[in-house]
C-alpha atoms as a PDB file:
ATOM      1  CA  MET A   1       2.105  23.254 -17.169  1.00  0.00           C
ATOM      2  CA  PRO A   2      -0.077  23.205 -14.012  1.00  0.00           C
ATOM      3  CA  ASN A   3      -1.919  26.400 -13.123  1.00  0.00           C
ATOM      4  CA  ASP A   4      -4.293  27.456 -10.363  1.00  0.00           C
ATOM      5  CA  SER A   5      -7.067  25.338 -11.893  1.00  0.00           C
ATOM      6  CA  THR A   6      -5.007  22.123 -12.050  1.00  0.00           C
ATOM      7  CA  VAL A   7      -3.511  19.864  -9.387  1.00  0.00           C
ATOM      8  CA  SER A   8      -0.574  17.758 -10.540  1.00  0.00           C
ATOM      9  CA  PHE A   9      -0.036  14.220  -9.233  1.00  0.00           C
ATOM     10  CA  PRO A  10       3.305  12.621 -10.155  1.00  0.00           C
ATOM     11  CA  VAL A  11       3.230   8.893 -10.835  1.00  0.00           C
ATOM     12  CA  GLY A  12       5.660   6.102 -11.605  1.00  0.00           C
ATOM     13  CA  LEU A  13       4.856   3.391 -14.145  1.00  0.00           C
ATOM     14  CA  GLU A  14       5.815  -0.245 -13.595  1.00  0.00           C
ATOM     15  CA  GLU A  15       5.502  -2.151 -16.870  1.00  0.00           C
ATOM     16  CA  GLY A  16       5.784  -5.932 -17.029  1.00  0.00           C
ATOM     17  CA  PRO A  17       7.304  -7.942 -19.886  1.00  0.00           C
ATOM     18  CA  ARG A  18       3.938  -8.390 -21.638  1.00  0.00           C
ATOM     19  CA  GLY A  19       2.774  -4.808 -21.321  1.00  0.00           C
ATOM     20  CA  ALA A  20       0.675  -5.063 -18.155  1.00  0.00           C
ATOM     21  CA  THR A  21       1.260  -1.841 -16.230  1.00  0.00           C
ATOM     22  CA  ARG A  22       0.828  -0.594 -12.695  1.00  0.00           C
ATOM     23  CA  VAL A  23       0.590   3.112 -11.918  1.00  0.00           C
ATOM     24  CA  HIS A  24       2.000   4.102  -8.519  1.00  0.00           C
ATOM     25  CA  SER A  25       1.249   7.521  -7.093  1.00  0.00           C
ATOM     26  CA  LEU A  26       4.453   9.179  -5.903  1.00  0.00           C
ATOM     27  CA  SER A  27       2.666  11.789  -3.791  1.00  0.00           C
ATOM     28  CA  VAL A  28      -0.213   9.671  -2.401  1.00  0.00           C
ATOM     29  CA  PRO A  29       1.648   6.538  -1.236  1.00  0.00           C
ATOM     30  CA  GLY A  30      -0.367   3.359  -1.638  1.00  0.00           C
ATOM     31  CA  CYS A  31      -2.598   4.690  -4.403  1.00  0.00           C
ATOM     32  CA  VAL A  32      -2.219   2.260  -7.296  1.00  0.00           C
ATOM     33  CA  ALA A  33      -4.064   1.429 -10.500  1.00  0.00           C
ATOM     34  CA  GLU A  34      -3.477  -1.425 -12.929  1.00  0.00           C
ATOM     35  CA  GLY A  35      -4.249  -2.283 -16.507  1.00  0.00           C
ATOM     36  CA  ALA A  36      -3.395  -4.723 -19.289  1.00  0.00           C
ATOM     37  CA  THR A  37      -1.640  -1.841 -21.027  1.00  0.00           C
ATOM     38  CA  ARG A  38      -0.078   1.451 -20.027  1.00  0.00           C
ATOM     39  CA  ASP A  39      -3.044   3.407 -21.413  1.00  0.00           C
ATOM     40  CA  GLU A  40      -5.552   1.241 -19.513  1.00  0.00           C
ATOM     41  CA  ALA A  41      -3.650   1.685 -16.261  1.00  0.00           C
ATOM     42  CA  LEU A  42      -3.390   5.459 -16.699  1.00  0.00           C
ATOM     43  CA  ALA A  43      -7.108   5.645 -17.502  1.00  0.00           C
ATOM     44  CA  ALA A  44      -7.916   3.729 -14.301  1.00  0.00           C
ATOM     45  CA  PHE A  45      -5.663   5.823 -12.085  1.00  0.00           C
ATOM     46  CA  PRO A  46      -7.903   8.922 -11.645  1.00  0.00           C
ATOM     47  CA  ILE A  47     -10.667   6.670 -10.279  1.00  0.00           C
ATOM     48  CA  ALA A  48      -8.317   5.139  -7.707  1.00  0.00           C
ATOM     49  CA  LEU A  49      -6.922   8.558  -6.847  1.00  0.00           C
ATOM     50  CA  ALA A  50     -10.405   9.994  -6.264  1.00  0.00           C
ATOM     51  CA  GLU A  51     -11.089   7.222  -3.719  1.00  0.00           C
ATOM     52  CA  TRP A  52      -7.817   7.914  -1.912  1.00  0.00           C
ATOM     53  CA  LEU A  53      -8.460  11.641  -1.775  1.00  0.00           C
ATOM     54  CA  GLU A  54     -11.675  10.929   0.148  1.00  0.00           C
ATOM     55  CA  LEU A  55      -9.695   9.367   3.015  1.00  0.00           C
ATOM     56  CA  PRO A  56      -9.263  11.424   6.213  1.00  0.00           C
ATOM     57  CA  GLY A  57      -6.291  13.758   6.173  1.00  0.00           C
ATOM     58  CA  MET A  58      -5.804  13.751   2.414  1.00  0.00           C
ATOM     59  CA  ALA A  59      -5.361  17.049   0.564  1.00  0.00           C
ATOM     60  CA  ALA A  60      -8.684  18.338  -0.685  1.00  0.00           C
ATOM     61  CA  VAL A  61      -9.165  19.051  -4.377  1.00  0.00           C
ATOM     62  CA  ASN A  62     -11.796  21.591  -5.354  1.00  0.00           C
ATOM     63  CA  GLU A  63     -14.489  20.514  -7.783  1.00  0.00           C
ATOM     64  CA  ASP A  64     -13.382  23.166 -10.276  1.00  0.00           C
ATOM     65  CA  GLN A  65      -9.789  21.927 -10.253  1.00  0.00           C
ATOM     66  CA  GLU A  66      -8.545  19.502 -12.872  1.00  0.00           C
ATOM     67  CA  LEU A  67      -6.340  16.538 -11.912  1.00  0.00           C
ATOM     68  CA  GLU A  68      -3.181  16.338 -13.984  1.00  0.00           C
ATOM     69  CA  ILE A  69      -1.367  12.984 -13.982  1.00  0.00           C
ATOM     70  CA  ALA A  70       2.337  13.552 -14.595  1.00  0.00           C
ATOM     71  CA  VAL A  71       4.507  10.502 -15.410  1.00  0.00           C
ATOM     72  CA  ASP A  72       7.816  11.102 -13.600  1.00  0.00           C
ATOM     73  CA  GLU A  73       9.290   7.616 -14.014  1.00  0.00           C
ATOM     74  CA  TRP A  74       8.616   4.675 -16.325  1.00  0.00           C
ATOM     75  CA  ILE A  75      10.360   1.447 -15.432  1.00  0.00           C
ATOM     76  CA  ARG A  76      10.160  -1.812 -17.348  1.00  0.00           C
ATOM     77  CA  THR A  77      10.550  -4.873 -15.162  1.00  0.00           C
ATOM     78  CA  ASP A  78      10.709  -8.654 -15.430  1.00  0.00           C
ATOM     79  CA  ALA A  79       8.090  -8.951 -12.653  1.00  0.00           C
ATOM     80  CA  ASN A  80       4.772 -10.530 -13.637  1.00  0.00           C
ATOM     81  CA  VAL A  81       2.779  -7.350 -13.087  1.00  0.00           C
ATOM     82  CA  ALA A  82      -0.435  -8.930 -14.386  1.00  0.00           C
ATOM     83  CA  ALA A  83      -0.208 -11.563 -11.618  1.00  0.00           C
ATOM     84  CA  GLY A  84       0.329  -8.977  -8.886  1.00  0.00           C
ATOM     85  CA  GLU A  85       4.124  -9.088  -8.666  1.00  0.00           C
ATOM     86  CA  SER A  86       6.035  -5.861  -8.050  1.00  0.00           C
ATOM     87  CA  ASP A  87       9.748  -5.202  -7.660  1.00  0.00           C
ATOM     88  CA  VAL A  88      10.101  -1.607  -8.815  1.00  0.00           C
ATOM     89  CA  THR A  89      12.151   0.972  -6.932  1.00  0.00           C
ATOM     90  CA  PHE A  90      11.599   4.528  -8.133  1.00  0.00           C
ATOM     91  CA  ASP A  91      14.059   7.379  -7.736  1.00  0.00           C
ATOM     92  CA  ALA A  92      11.405   8.948  -5.499  1.00  0.00           C
ATOM     93  CA  ASP A  93      11.740   5.954  -3.126  1.00  0.00           C
ATOM     94  CA  LEU A  94      15.332   6.976  -2.399  1.00  0.00           C
ATOM     95  CA  ARG A  95      14.353  10.224  -0.670  1.00  0.00           C
ATOM     96  CA  PRO A  96      14.505  10.182   3.140  1.00  0.00           C
ATOM     97  CA  LEU A  97      11.190  10.219   4.958  1.00  0.00           C
ATOM     98  CA  THR A  98      10.387  13.270   7.064  1.00  0.00           C
ATOM     99  CA  ASP A  99       8.725  13.185  10.481  1.00  0.00           C
ATOM    100  CA  ALA A 100       5.584  14.724   8.976  1.00  0.00           C
ATOM    101  CA  GLU A 101       5.429  12.080   6.232  1.00  0.00           C
ATOM    102  CA  ILE A 102       5.848   9.227   8.683  1.00  0.00           C
ATOM    103  CA  ASP A 103       3.130  10.619  10.957  1.00  0.00           C
ATOM    104  CA  ALA A 104       0.704  11.217   8.078  1.00  0.00           C
ATOM    105  CA  GLN A 105       1.246   7.851   6.436  1.00  0.00           C
ATOM    106  CA  LEU A 106       0.966   5.927   9.693  1.00  0.00           C
ATOM    107  CA  ARG A 107      -2.308   7.749  10.397  1.00  0.00           C
ATOM    108  CA  THR A 108      -3.623   6.745   6.986  1.00  0.00           C
ATOM    109  CA  LEU A 109      -2.511   3.174   7.588  1.00  0.00           C
ATOM    110  CA  GLY A 110      -4.315   3.213  10.934  1.00  0.00           C
ATOM    111  CA  ASP A 111      -7.477   4.652   9.390  1.00  0.00           C
ATOM    112  CA  LEU A 112      -7.512   1.907   6.763  1.00  0.00           C
ATOM    113  CA  ARG A 113      -6.918  -0.786   9.373  1.00  0.00           C
ATOM    114  CA  GLY A 114      -9.621   0.636  11.630  1.00  0.00           C
ATOM    115  CA  ARG A 115     -12.118   0.466   8.779  1.00  0.00           C
ATOM    116  CA  LEU A 116     -11.393  -3.273   8.522  1.00  0.00           C
ATOM    117  CA  LEU A 117     -11.149  -4.118  12.216  1.00  0.00           C
ATOM    118  CA  ARG A 118     -14.483  -2.639  13.276  1.00  0.00           C
ATOM    119  CA  PRO A 119     -16.611  -5.219  11.412  1.00  0.00           C
ATOM    120  CA  LEU A 120     -13.961  -7.939  11.710  1.00  0.00           C
ATOM    121  CA  ARG A 121     -14.000  -7.832  15.521  1.00  0.00           C
ATOM    122  CA  ARG A 122     -17.762  -8.405  15.452  1.00  0.00           C
ATOM    123  CA  THR A 123     -17.373 -11.499  13.282  1.00  0.00           C
ATOM    124  CA  PRO A 124     -17.185 -14.870  15.110  1.00  0.00           C
ATOM    125  CA  ASP A 125     -13.829 -16.567  14.542  1.00  0.00           C
ATOM    126  CA  ALA A 126     -15.423 -19.651  12.969  1.00  0.00           C
ATOM    127  CA  ARG A 127     -16.996 -17.494  10.251  1.00  0.00           C
ATOM    128  CA  LEU A 128     -13.579 -16.434   8.987  1.00  0.00           C
ATOM    129  CA  ASP A 129     -13.391 -19.824   7.263  1.00  0.00           C
ATOM    130  CA  GLU A 130     -16.926 -19.560   5.852  1.00  0.00           C
ATOM    131  CA  LEU A 131     -16.844 -16.075   4.325  1.00  0.00           C
ATOM    132  CA  HIS A 132     -15.054 -15.671   1.010  1.00  0.00           C
ATOM    133  CA  SER A 133     -13.576 -12.876  -1.080  1.00  0.00           C
ATOM    134  CA  GLY A 134     -13.160 -14.494  -4.478  1.00  0.00           C
ATOM    135  CA  GLU A 135     -11.326 -17.804  -4.050  1.00  0.00           C
ATOM    136  CA  TRP A 136      -9.839 -16.870  -0.670  1.00  0.00           C
ATOM    137  CA  THR A 137     -11.505 -17.232   2.707  1.00  0.00           C
ATOM    138  CA  LEU A 138     -11.665 -14.188   4.928  1.00  0.00           C
ATOM    139  CA  ARG A 139      -9.158 -15.829   7.264  1.00  0.00           C
ATOM    140  CA  ARG A 140      -6.670 -16.346   4.455  1.00  0.00           C
ATOM    141  CA  VAL A 141      -7.001 -12.741   3.270  1.00  0.00           C
ATOM    142  CA  THR A 142      -6.499 -11.248   6.728  1.00  0.00           C
ATOM    143  CA  GLU A 143      -3.665 -13.583   7.700  1.00  0.00           C
ATOM    144  CA  GLU A 144      -1.921 -12.841   4.406  1.00  0.00           C
ATOM    145  CA  LEU A 145      -2.227  -9.140   5.243  1.00  0.00           C
ATOM    146  CA  ALA A 146      -0.510  -9.690   8.598  1.00  0.00           C
ATOM    147  CA  ARG A 147       2.148 -12.005   7.134  1.00  0.00           C
ATOM    148  CA  ALA A 148       2.997  -9.587   4.348  1.00  0.00           C
ATOM    149  CA  GLN A 149       3.362  -6.737   6.846  1.00  0.00           C
ATOM    150  CA  TRP A 150       5.901  -8.724   8.849  1.00  0.00           C
ATOM    151  CA  TRP A 151       7.753  -9.667   5.663  1.00  0.00           C
ATOM    152  CA  LEU A 152       7.948  -6.056   4.470  1.00  0.00           C
ATOM    153  CA  LEU A 153       9.530  -5.016   7.760  1.00  0.00           C
ATOM    154  CA  THR A 154      12.258  -7.632   7.237  1.00  0.00           C
ATOM    155  CA  ARG A 155      13.120  -5.749   4.021  1.00  0.00           C
ATOM    156  CA  LEU A 156      14.401  -2.997   6.321  1.00  0.00           C
ATOM    157  CA  GLY A 157      16.436  -5.409   8.387  1.00  0.00           C
ATOM    158  CA  ALA A 158      13.848  -6.227  11.062  1.00  0.00           C
ATOM    159  CA  SER A 159      14.058  -9.717  12.527  1.00  0.00           C
ATOM    160  CA  PRO A 160      11.333 -12.230  11.626  1.00  0.00           C
ATOM    161  CA  LEU A 161       8.603 -12.573  14.236  1.00  0.00           C
ATOM    162  CA  ALA A 162       9.718 -15.108  16.854  1.00  0.00           C
ATOM    163  CA  GLU A 163       6.209 -16.092  17.985  1.00  0.00           C
ATOM    164  CA  VAL A 164       3.127 -15.814  15.791  1.00  0.00           C
ATOM    165  CA  PRO A 165      -0.121 -15.110  17.694  1.00  0.00           C
ATOM    166  CA  GLU A 166      -2.658 -17.906  17.388  1.00  0.00           C
ATOM    167  CA  ARG A 167      -5.726 -15.806  16.592  1.00  0.00           C
ATOM    168  CA  THR A 168      -6.128 -13.897  13.360  1.00  0.00           C
ATOM    169  CA  ILE A 169      -7.019 -10.634  15.096  1.00  0.00           C
ATOM    170  CA  GLY A 170      -3.918 -11.015  17.244  1.00  0.00           C
ATOM    171  CA  ARG A 171      -1.754 -11.410  14.138  1.00  0.00           C
ATOM    172  CA  LEU A 172      -3.198  -8.267  12.594  1.00  0.00           C
ATOM    173  CA  ASP A 173      -2.771  -6.274  15.808  1.00  0.00           C
ATOM    174  CA  THR A 174       0.801  -7.498  16.316  1.00  0.00           C
ATOM    175  CA  ALA A 175       1.801  -6.742  12.725  1.00  0.00           C
ATOM    176  CA  MET A 176       0.409  -3.212  12.902  1.00  0.00           C
ATOM    177  CA  ALA A 177       2.053  -2.546  16.255  1.00  0.00           C
ATOM    178  CA  LEU A 178       5.423  -3.623  14.843  1.00  0.00           C
ATOM    179  CA  VAL A 179       4.991  -1.347  11.820  1.00  0.00           C
ATOM    180  CA  VAL A 180       4.186   1.657  14.006  1.00  0.00           C
ATOM    181  CA  GLN A 181       7.009   0.840  16.404  1.00  0.00           C
ATOM    182  CA  HIS A 182       9.563   0.483  13.605  1.00  0.00           C
ATOM    183  CA  PHE A 183       8.734   3.683  11.764  1.00  0.00           C
ATOM    184  CA  THR A 184       8.260   5.918  14.807  1.00  0.00           C
ATOM    185  CA  ALA A 185      11.672   4.805  16.103  1.00  0.00           C
ATOM    186  CA  LEU A 186      13.435   5.030  12.734  1.00  0.00           C
ATOM    187  CA  PRO A 187      16.545   7.222  13.204  1.00  0.00           C
ATOM    188  CA  ALA A 188      17.003  10.130  10.819  1.00  0.00           C
ATOM    189  CA  GLY A 189      20.208   8.562   9.517  1.00  0.00           C
ATOM    190  CA  GLU A 190      18.354   5.405   8.488  1.00  0.00           C
ATOM    191  CA  ARG A 191      15.527   7.056   6.568  1.00  0.00           C
ATOM    192  CA  ALA A 192      17.295   6.940   3.191  1.00  0.00           C
ATOM    193  CA  ARG A 193      19.124   3.654   3.748  1.00  0.00           C
ATOM    194  CA  VAL A 194      19.064   1.278   0.777  1.00  0.00           C
ATOM    195  CA  LEU A 195      19.126  -2.475   1.409  1.00  0.00           C
ATOM    196  CA  GLU A 196      19.721  -4.943  -1.423  1.00  0.00           C
ATOM    197  CA  LEU A 197      17.874  -8.190  -0.744  1.00  0.00           C
ATOM    198  CA  ASP A 198      17.319 -10.996  -3.235  1.00  0.00           C
ATOM    199  CA  GLY A 199      18.172  -8.709  -6.126  1.00  0.00           C
ATOM    200  CA  GLU A 200      15.734  -5.959  -5.120  1.00  0.00           C
ATOM    201  CA  SER A 201      16.411  -2.553  -3.586  1.00  0.00           C
ATOM    202  CA  TRP A 202      14.456  -1.527  -0.493  1.00  0.00           C
ATOM    203  CA  THR A 203      14.187   1.808   1.322  1.00  0.00           C
ATOM    204  CA  PRO A 204      11.966   2.996   4.199  1.00  0.00           C
ATOM    205  CA  ARG A 205       9.917   5.129   1.790  1.00  0.00           C
ATOM    206  CA  LYS A 206       9.351   2.177  -0.534  1.00  0.00           C
ATOM    207  CA  VAL A 207       8.366  -0.136   2.327  1.00  0.00           C
ATOM    208  CA  LEU A 208       5.860   2.377   3.691  1.00  0.00           C
ATOM    209  CA  ARG A 209       4.429   2.876   0.204  1.00  0.00           C
ATOM    210  CA  ARG A 210       4.065  -0.891  -0.174  1.00  0.00           C
ATOM    211  CA  LEU A 211       2.483  -1.220   3.280  1.00  0.00           C
ATOM    212  CA  LEU A 212      -0.200   1.310   2.340  1.00  0.00           C
ATOM    213  CA  TRP A 213      -0.863  -0.388  -0.996  1.00  0.00           C
ATOM    214  CA  LEU A 214      -1.080  -3.759   0.782  1.00  0.00           C
ATOM    215  CA  GLU A 215      -3.529  -2.400   3.368  1.00  0.00           C
ATOM    216  CA  TRP A 216      -5.669  -0.837   0.660  1.00  0.00           C
ATOM    217  CA  SER A 217      -5.801  -3.889  -1.605  1.00  0.00           C
ATOM    218  CA  LEU A 218      -6.092  -6.758   0.886  1.00  0.00           C
ATOM    219  CA  GLY A 219      -8.121  -4.683   3.339  1.00  0.00           C
ATOM    220  CA  ARG A 220     -10.711  -3.926   0.676  1.00  0.00           C
ATOM    221  CA  SER A 221     -10.761  -7.593  -0.330  1.00  0.00           C
ATOM    222  CA  ALA A 222     -11.467  -8.568   3.278  1.00  0.00           C
ATOM    223  CA  LEU A 223     -14.198  -5.943   3.585  1.00  0.00           C
ATOM    224  CA  ARG A 224     -15.954  -7.375   0.540  1.00  0.00           C
ATOM    225  CA  ALA A 225     -16.183 -10.713   2.369  1.00  0.00           C
ATOM    226  CA  LEU A 226     -17.647  -9.240   5.538  1.00  0.00           C
ATOM    227  CA  PRO A 227     -21.425  -8.883   5.962  1.00  0.00           C
ATOM    228  CA  PRO A 228     -22.678  -5.303   5.607  1.00  0.00           C
ATOM    229  CA  GLU A 229     -23.052  -3.395   8.878  1.00  0.00           C
END
């Protein structure tokens, strides 16, 4: 049981058909760790969590406090977790979002995006096709980030974007503006709504969790491609 010297972090496990596992934080949305096995993923999670807790606005943990990882849910899925697929909906995703949670998570999303945009805006457009993060060009990484944001909003019933901005920066800015607009205007009665689309359940809490994970993973990939400041 947790005591004054421990801080408990509930997590949900998403295990693929071949054992590859993803650990999702249920109290720090977007914080995710992966491994070829459940034990590997759980061992990697404290490292990912420590990085998230350094972000602005996150709850501070004293050096003398021990992190306790508590598995609240463990779901086996047919998704190819090892290849990056995810279709899990946790019981925790069914809870309605509060105003405070929306504000805090949008601020974190904005902080992560700001960290990417500062160096990206200084990068000439032509260089987006020259710089690489692994096999992907910087342009492909950043445009995938914007595209995936738009797609996630459609999981809540938002209409697809009618006109896609031509420039990459414009796509990122438009996608983020739509995310902020959607969640700040989300009526209280819609904050626990469940939509079934293509065999998967979606809720506002799940979409916001996925948006933060997306920003963290693809944003960091894009930053690795950018020249150091």
